[in-house]
Amino acid sequence: MTGGMMLLEILVAALLIIGAAFTLIGSYGLVKLDQPMKRLHAPTKASTLGVGSLLLASMIHAFASGDASLHELLVMAFLFVTAPISGNFIAKVHLHRQRGGKELPPPPEEKNWATYAEQ
């Protein structure tokens, strides 16, 4: 085994351990945090870094073994694009539901005012 190959295996192992640790921390935070706004940070930050690290380890291993593929890169890009958007939607739903049964104010005459405006 060459020194370069051993270094790649150590890098892949380190990325797998880091990814597993971040994913475990994100899962634990999702279960243990009590409020939805606190709960958002666990899957959108820690788990995204965990899955990103696992996918990076998979990419490095695939390129080192000669089975190069960019599927992992596409999955990682999709994950990093969609995680903040889904976190934003979850936060908006929480804020809408937190308002309770209060009557909403009438929207202004403008067509594109806010999310509370009825079309």
N, C-alpha and C. Protein backbone atom coordinates (compact mmCIF):
# COMPACT_ATOMS: atom_id res chain seq x y z
N MET A 1 0.86 -1.17 0.00
CA MET A 1 0.00 0.00 0.00
C MET A 1 0.90 1.23 0.00
N THR A 2 0.62 2.13 -0.90
CA THR A 2 1.44 3.34 -1.00
C THR A 2 1.03 4.35 0.05
N GLY A 3 1.92 5.31 0.26
CA GLY A 3 1.64 6.34 1.27
C GLY A 3 0.47 7.22 0.90
N GLY A 4 0.31 7.50 -0.40
CA GLY A 4 -0.81 8.33 -0.86
C GLY A 4 -2.15 7.65 -0.67
N MET A 5 -2.17 6.35 -0.94
CA MET A 5 -3.41 5.60 -0.77
C MET A 5 -3.79 5.49 0.70
N MET A 6 -2.79 5.32 1.56
CA MET A 6 -3.06 5.25 2.99
C MET A 6 -3.57 6.60 3.51
N LEU A 7 -3.01 7.68 3.00
CA LEU A 7 -3.47 9.02 3.39
C LEU A 7 -4.92 9.23 2.97
N LEU A 8 -5.28 8.76 1.77
CA LEU A 8 -6.67 8.88 1.32
C LEU A 8 -7.62 8.06 2.19
N GLU A 9 -7.19 6.87 2.59
CA GLU A 9 -8.03 6.06 3.46
C GLU A 9 -8.22 6.69 4.83
N ILE A 10 -7.17 7.32 5.34
CA ILE A 10 -7.28 8.03 6.63
C ILE A 10 -8.22 9.22 6.49
N LEU A 11 -8.14 9.94 5.36
CA LEU A 11 -9.03 11.07 5.12
C LEU A 11 -10.47 10.61 5.02
N VAL A 12 -10.71 9.52 4.30
CA VAL A 12 -12.07 8.98 4.17
C VAL A 12 -12.60 8.54 5.53
N ALA A 13 -11.77 7.87 6.32
CA ALA A 13 -12.21 7.42 7.65
C ALA A 13 -12.52 8.62 8.55
N ALA A 14 -11.69 9.65 8.49
CA ALA A 14 -11.94 10.86 9.30
C ALA A 14 -13.23 11.54 8.88
N LEU A 15 -13.47 11.64 7.57
CA LEU A 15 -14.72 12.25 7.09
C LEU A 15 -15.94 11.43 7.49
N LEU A 16 -15.81 10.10 7.48
CA LEU A 16 -16.92 9.25 7.91
C LEU A 16 -17.23 9.45 9.39
N ILE A 17 -16.19 9.54 10.20
CA ILE A 17 -16.40 9.74 11.65
C ILE A 17 -17.00 11.12 11.91
N ILE A 18 -16.49 12.14 11.23
CA ILE A 18 -17.03 13.50 11.41
C ILE A 18 -18.48 13.56 10.94
N GLY A 19 -18.77 12.96 9.79
CA GLY A 19 -20.14 12.94 9.28
C GLY A 19 -21.09 12.20 10.20
N ALA A 20 -20.65 11.07 10.72
CA ALA A 20 -21.49 10.32 11.66
C ALA A 20 -21.74 11.10 12.94
N ALA A 21 -20.70 11.80 13.43
CA ALA A 21 -20.85 12.59 14.66
C ALA A 21 -21.83 13.74 14.45
N PHE A 22 -21.70 14.47 13.32
CA PHE A 22 -22.63 15.57 13.05
C PHE A 22 -24.05 15.07 12.88
N THR A 23 -24.23 13.95 12.19
CA THR A 23 -25.57 13.41 11.99
C THR A 23 -26.17 12.95 13.32
N LEU A 24 -25.37 12.34 14.17
CA LEU A 24 -25.86 11.92 15.49
C LEU A 24 -26.24 13.14 16.34
N ILE A 25 -25.42 14.17 16.32
CA ILE A 25 -25.73 15.38 17.08
C ILE A 25 -26.99 16.05 16.56
N GLY A 26 -27.15 16.10 15.23
CA GLY A 26 -28.36 16.68 14.65
C GLY A 26 -29.60 15.89 15.00
N SER A 27 -29.50 14.57 14.98
CA SER A 27 -30.65 13.73 15.35
C SER A 27 -31.01 13.90 16.82
N TYR A 28 -30.00 13.94 17.66
CA TYR A 28 -30.23 14.13 19.10
C TYR A 28 -30.89 15.49 19.35
N GLY A 29 -30.41 16.52 18.68
CA GLY A 29 -31.00 17.84 18.84
C GLY A 29 -32.43 17.90 18.36
N LEU A 30 -32.74 17.19 17.29
CA LEU A 30 -34.10 17.16 16.78
C LEU A 30 -35.05 16.50 17.77
N VAL A 31 -34.58 15.49 18.47
CA VAL A 31 -35.44 14.79 19.43
C VAL A 31 -35.53 15.57 20.74
N LYS A 32 -34.43 16.13 21.22
CA LYS A 32 -34.40 16.69 22.57
C LYS A 32 -34.84 18.15 22.68
N LEU A 33 -34.68 18.94 21.64
CA LEU A 33 -35.07 20.35 21.75
C LEU A 33 -36.58 20.46 21.79
N ASP A 34 -37.07 21.37 22.64
CA ASP A 34 -38.50 21.39 22.95
C ASP A 34 -39.33 22.31 22.06
N GLN A 35 -38.78 23.37 21.53
CA GLN A 35 -39.56 24.32 20.74
C GLN A 35 -39.21 24.19 19.26
N PRO A 36 -40.19 24.40 18.39
CA PRO A 36 -39.92 24.25 16.95
C PRO A 36 -38.84 25.18 16.42
N MET A 37 -38.76 26.39 16.92
CA MET A 37 -37.74 27.31 16.41
C MET A 37 -36.34 26.88 16.86
N LYS A 38 -36.22 26.28 18.02
CA LYS A 38 -34.93 25.71 18.44
C LYS A 38 -34.63 24.45 17.65
N ARG A 39 -35.67 23.69 17.37
CA ARG A 39 -35.53 22.41 16.69
C ARG A 39 -35.07 22.57 15.23
N LEU A 40 -35.23 23.74 14.67
CA LEU A 40 -34.82 23.98 13.28
C LEU A 40 -33.32 23.85 13.09
N HIS A 41 -32.55 24.26 14.06
CA HIS A 41 -31.10 24.31 13.88
C HIS A 41 -30.47 22.92 13.81
N ALA A 42 -31.07 21.95 14.45
CA ALA A 42 -30.48 20.61 14.44
C ALA A 42 -30.44 19.99 13.04
N PRO A 43 -31.58 19.87 12.34
CA PRO A 43 -31.49 19.23 11.03
C PRO A 43 -30.89 20.12 9.95
N THR A 44 -31.10 21.43 10.03
CA THR A 44 -30.62 22.28 8.95
C THR A 44 -29.14 22.57 9.03
N LYS A 45 -28.55 22.48 10.19
CA LYS A 45 -27.12 22.79 10.30
C LYS A 45 -26.29 21.53 10.54
N ALA A 46 -26.52 20.88 11.66
CA ALA A 46 -25.66 19.74 12.03
C ALA A 46 -25.84 18.56 11.07
N SER A 47 -27.07 18.22 10.77
CA SER A 47 -27.28 17.06 9.89
C SER A 47 -26.84 17.35 8.47
N THR A 48 -26.98 18.59 8.02
CA THR A 48 -26.51 18.94 6.68
C THR A 48 -25.00 18.80 6.59
N LEU A 49 -24.30 19.24 7.61
CA LEU A 49 -22.85 19.06 7.62
C LEU A 49 -22.49 17.59 7.71
N GLY A 50 -23.26 16.82 8.47
CA GLY A 50 -22.98 15.40 8.59
C GLY A 50 -23.16 14.66 7.29
N VAL A 51 -24.29 14.88 6.62
CA VAL A 51 -24.53 14.20 5.35
C VAL A 51 -23.56 14.71 4.29
N GLY A 52 -23.23 16.00 4.32
CA GLY A 52 -22.24 16.52 3.38
C GLY A 52 -20.88 15.88 3.57
N SER A 53 -20.48 15.66 4.81
CA SER A 53 -19.20 15.01 5.08
C SER A 53 -19.21 13.54 4.64
N LEU A 54 -20.33 12.86 4.85
CA LEU A 54 -20.44 11.47 4.40
C LEU A 54 -20.38 11.37 2.88
N LEU A 55 -21.04 12.30 2.21
CA LEU A 55 -21.00 12.29 0.75
C LEU A 55 -19.61 12.64 0.22
N LEU A 56 -18.92 13.55 0.90
CA LEU A 56 -17.56 13.89 0.49
C LEU A 56 -16.62 12.69 0.66
N ALA A 57 -16.79 11.94 1.74
CA ALA A 57 -16.00 10.72 1.94
C ALA A 57 -16.29 9.72 0.83
N SER A 58 -17.55 9.60 0.44
CA SER A 58 -17.91 8.68 -0.64
C SER A 58 -17.29 9.12 -1.96
N MET A 59 -17.28 10.42 -2.23
CA MET A 59 -16.67 10.93 -3.46
C MET A 59 -15.18 10.66 -3.50
N ILE A 60 -14.49 10.92 -2.40
CA ILE A 60 -13.04 10.71 -2.35
C ILE A 60 -12.71 9.23 -2.53
N HIS A 61 -13.49 8.37 -1.87
CA HIS A 61 -13.26 6.92 -2.01
C HIS A 61 -13.53 6.45 -3.44
N ALA A 62 -14.57 6.97 -4.06
CA ALA A 62 -14.89 6.57 -5.43
C ALA A 62 -13.80 7.01 -6.40
N PHE A 63 -13.30 8.23 -6.25
CA PHE A 63 -12.23 8.70 -7.13
C PHE A 63 -10.93 7.95 -6.89
N ALA A 64 -10.66 7.58 -5.64
CA ALA A 64 -9.42 6.85 -5.33
C ALA A 64 -9.46 5.42 -5.88
N SER A 65 -10.65 4.83 -5.88
CA SER A 65 -10.75 3.45 -6.36
C SER A 65 -10.97 3.36 -7.86
N GLY A 66 -11.13 4.47 -8.54
CA GLY A 66 -11.29 4.48 -9.99
C GLY A 66 -12.72 4.43 -10.47
N ASP A 67 -13.67 4.44 -9.58
CA ASP A 67 -15.09 4.44 -9.96
C ASP A 67 -15.65 5.85 -9.82
N ALA A 68 -15.05 6.80 -10.50
CA ALA A 68 -15.41 8.21 -10.34
C ALA A 68 -16.84 8.46 -10.80
N SER A 69 -17.58 9.18 -9.98
CA SER A 69 -18.95 9.55 -10.29
C SER A 69 -19.25 10.87 -9.61
N LEU A 70 -20.06 11.67 -10.25
CA LEU A 70 -20.42 12.95 -9.67
C LEU A 70 -21.82 12.94 -9.07
N HIS A 71 -22.40 11.77 -8.88
CA HIS A 71 -23.72 11.69 -8.29
C HIS A 71 -23.73 12.26 -6.88
N GLU A 72 -22.69 11.97 -6.11
CA GLU A 72 -22.62 12.48 -4.74
C GLU A 72 -22.55 14.00 -4.73
N LEU A 73 -21.86 14.58 -5.69
CA LEU A 73 -21.77 16.04 -5.77
C LEU A 73 -23.13 16.65 -6.06
N LEU A 74 -23.91 16.02 -6.92
CA LEU A 74 -25.26 16.51 -7.20
C LEU A 74 -26.17 16.39 -5.99
N VAL A 75 -26.07 15.28 -5.26
CA VAL A 75 -26.87 15.11 -4.05
C VAL A 75 -26.48 16.17 -3.01
N MET A 76 -25.18 16.42 -2.87
CA MET A 76 -24.71 17.42 -1.90
C MET A 76 -25.19 18.81 -2.28
N ALA A 77 -25.12 19.15 -3.56
CA ALA A 77 -25.60 20.47 -4.00
C ALA A 77 -27.10 20.61 -3.74
N PHE A 78 -27.87 19.57 -4.04
CA PHE A 78 -29.31 19.60 -3.79
C PHE A 78 -29.59 19.75 -2.30
N LEU A 79 -28.85 19.05 -1.48
CA LEU A 79 -29.03 19.13 -0.02
C LEU A 79 -28.73 20.52 0.50
N PHE A 80 -27.61 21.10 0.06
CA PHE A 80 -27.23 22.42 0.55
C PHE A 80 -28.15 23.52 0.04
N VAL A 81 -28.84 23.29 -1.06
CA VAL A 81 -29.79 24.28 -1.57
C VAL A 81 -31.14 24.14 -0.88
N THR A 82 -31.59 22.91 -0.65
CA THR A 82 -32.94 22.72 -0.12
C THR A 82 -33.05 22.82 1.39
N ALA A 83 -31.99 22.56 2.13
CA ALA A 83 -32.07 22.58 3.61
C ALA A 83 -32.43 23.98 4.14
N PRO A 84 -31.82 25.07 3.67
CA PRO A 84 -32.24 26.38 4.18
C PRO A 84 -33.67 26.75 3.77
N ILE A 85 -34.08 26.32 2.59
CA ILE A 85 -35.44 26.63 2.14
C ILE A 85 -36.47 25.91 3.00
N SER A 86 -36.23 24.63 3.27
CA SER A 86 -37.18 23.89 4.11
C SER A 86 -37.17 24.44 5.54
N GLY A 87 -36.01 24.85 6.05
CA GLY A 87 -35.96 25.48 7.37
C GLY A 87 -36.75 26.77 7.41
N ASN A 88 -36.68 27.54 6.34
CA ASN A 88 -37.44 28.78 6.26
C ASN A 88 -38.94 28.50 6.25
N PHE A 89 -39.36 27.49 5.50
CA PHE A 89 -40.78 27.14 5.47
C PHE A 89 -41.28 26.66 6.82
N ILE A 90 -40.49 25.86 7.50
CA ILE A 90 -40.88 25.39 8.83
C ILE A 90 -41.01 26.56 9.80
N ALA A 91 -40.08 27.51 9.73
CA ALA A 91 -40.15 28.69 10.59
C ALA A 91 -41.39 29.53 10.28
N LYS A 92 -41.71 29.69 9.00
CA LYS A 92 -42.89 30.47 8.64
C LYS A 92 -44.17 29.81 9.13
N VAL A 93 -44.26 28.49 9.02
CA VAL A 93 -45.44 27.78 9.52
C VAL A 93 -45.57 27.96 11.02
N HIS A 94 -44.44 27.86 11.72
CA HIS A 94 -44.48 28.05 13.17
C HIS A 94 -44.94 29.46 13.53
N LEU A 95 -44.44 30.46 12.84
CA LEU A 95 -44.85 31.84 13.13
C LEU A 95 -46.32 32.05 12.81
N HIS A 96 -46.82 31.46 11.75
CA HIS A 96 -48.24 31.59 11.41
C HIS A 96 -49.11 30.90 12.45
N ARG A 97 -48.70 29.73 12.90
CA ARG A 97 -49.51 28.99 13.88
C ARG A 97 -49.43 29.60 15.27
N GLN A 98 -48.33 30.30 15.55
CA GLN A 98 -48.14 30.91 16.87
C GLN A 98 -49.08 32.09 17.07
N ARG A 99 -49.56 32.66 16.01
CA ARG A 99 -50.43 33.83 16.12
C ARG A 99 -51.74 33.51 16.83
N GLY A 100 -52.13 32.25 16.87
CA GLY A 100 -53.36 31.89 17.55
C GLY A 100 -54.57 32.21 16.70
N GLY A 101 -55.68 32.48 17.36
CA GLY A 101 -56.93 32.74 16.66
C GLY A 101 -57.19 34.21 16.42
N LYS A 102 -56.19 35.05 16.55
CA LYS A 102 -56.39 36.49 16.36
C LYS A 102 -56.78 36.78 14.92
N GLU A 103 -57.58 37.79 14.78
CA GLU A 103 -58.00 38.21 13.45
C GLU A 103 -56.85 38.91 12.74
N LEU A 104 -56.62 38.54 11.51
CA LEU A 104 -55.55 39.15 10.74
C LEU A 104 -56.00 40.50 10.20
N PRO A 105 -55.06 41.43 10.07
CA PRO A 105 -55.43 42.74 9.52
C PRO A 105 -55.74 42.61 8.03
N PRO A 106 -56.57 43.49 7.51
CA PRO A 106 -56.85 43.42 6.07
C PRO A 106 -55.60 43.81 5.28
N PRO A 107 -55.37 43.15 4.16
CA PRO A 107 -54.17 43.48 3.38
C PRO A 107 -54.33 44.83 2.68
N PRO A 108 -53.24 45.49 2.40
CA PRO A 108 -53.32 46.75 1.66
C PRO A 108 -53.80 46.51 0.23
N GLU A 109 -54.01 47.57 -0.47
CA GLU A 109 -54.52 47.47 -1.83
C GLU A 109 -53.51 46.87 -2.80
N GLU A 110 -52.21 46.91 -2.45
CA GLU A 110 -51.18 46.36 -3.34
C GLU A 110 -51.37 44.86 -3.48
N LYS A 111 -51.04 44.32 -4.66
CA LYS A 111 -51.22 42.89 -4.90
C LYS A 111 -50.15 42.03 -4.23
N ASN A 112 -48.89 42.46 -4.24
CA ASN A 112 -47.81 41.66 -3.65
C ASN A 112 -47.35 42.31 -2.35
N TRP A 113 -48.10 42.03 -1.29
CA TRP A 113 -47.84 42.66 0.00
C TRP A 113 -47.07 41.74 0.93
N ALA A 114 -47.64 40.59 1.28
CA ALA A 114 -46.99 39.67 2.23
C ALA A 114 -47.63 38.29 2.08
N THR A 115 -47.19 37.38 2.92
CA THR A 115 -47.75 36.03 2.85
C THR A 115 -49.16 35.95 3.40
N TYR A 116 -49.60 36.95 4.15
CA TYR A 116 -50.94 36.93 4.72
C TYR A 116 -51.99 37.43 3.73
N ALA A 117 -51.57 38.02 2.64
CA ALA A 117 -52.51 38.59 1.69
C ALA A 117 -53.24 37.48 0.94
N GLU A 118 -54.54 37.63 0.79
CA GLU A 118 -55.33 36.68 0.03
C GLU A 118 -55.42 37.18 -1.40
N GLN A 119 -55.35 36.25 -2.32
CA GLN A 119 -55.39 36.63 -3.73
C GLN A 119 -56.79 36.60 -4.25
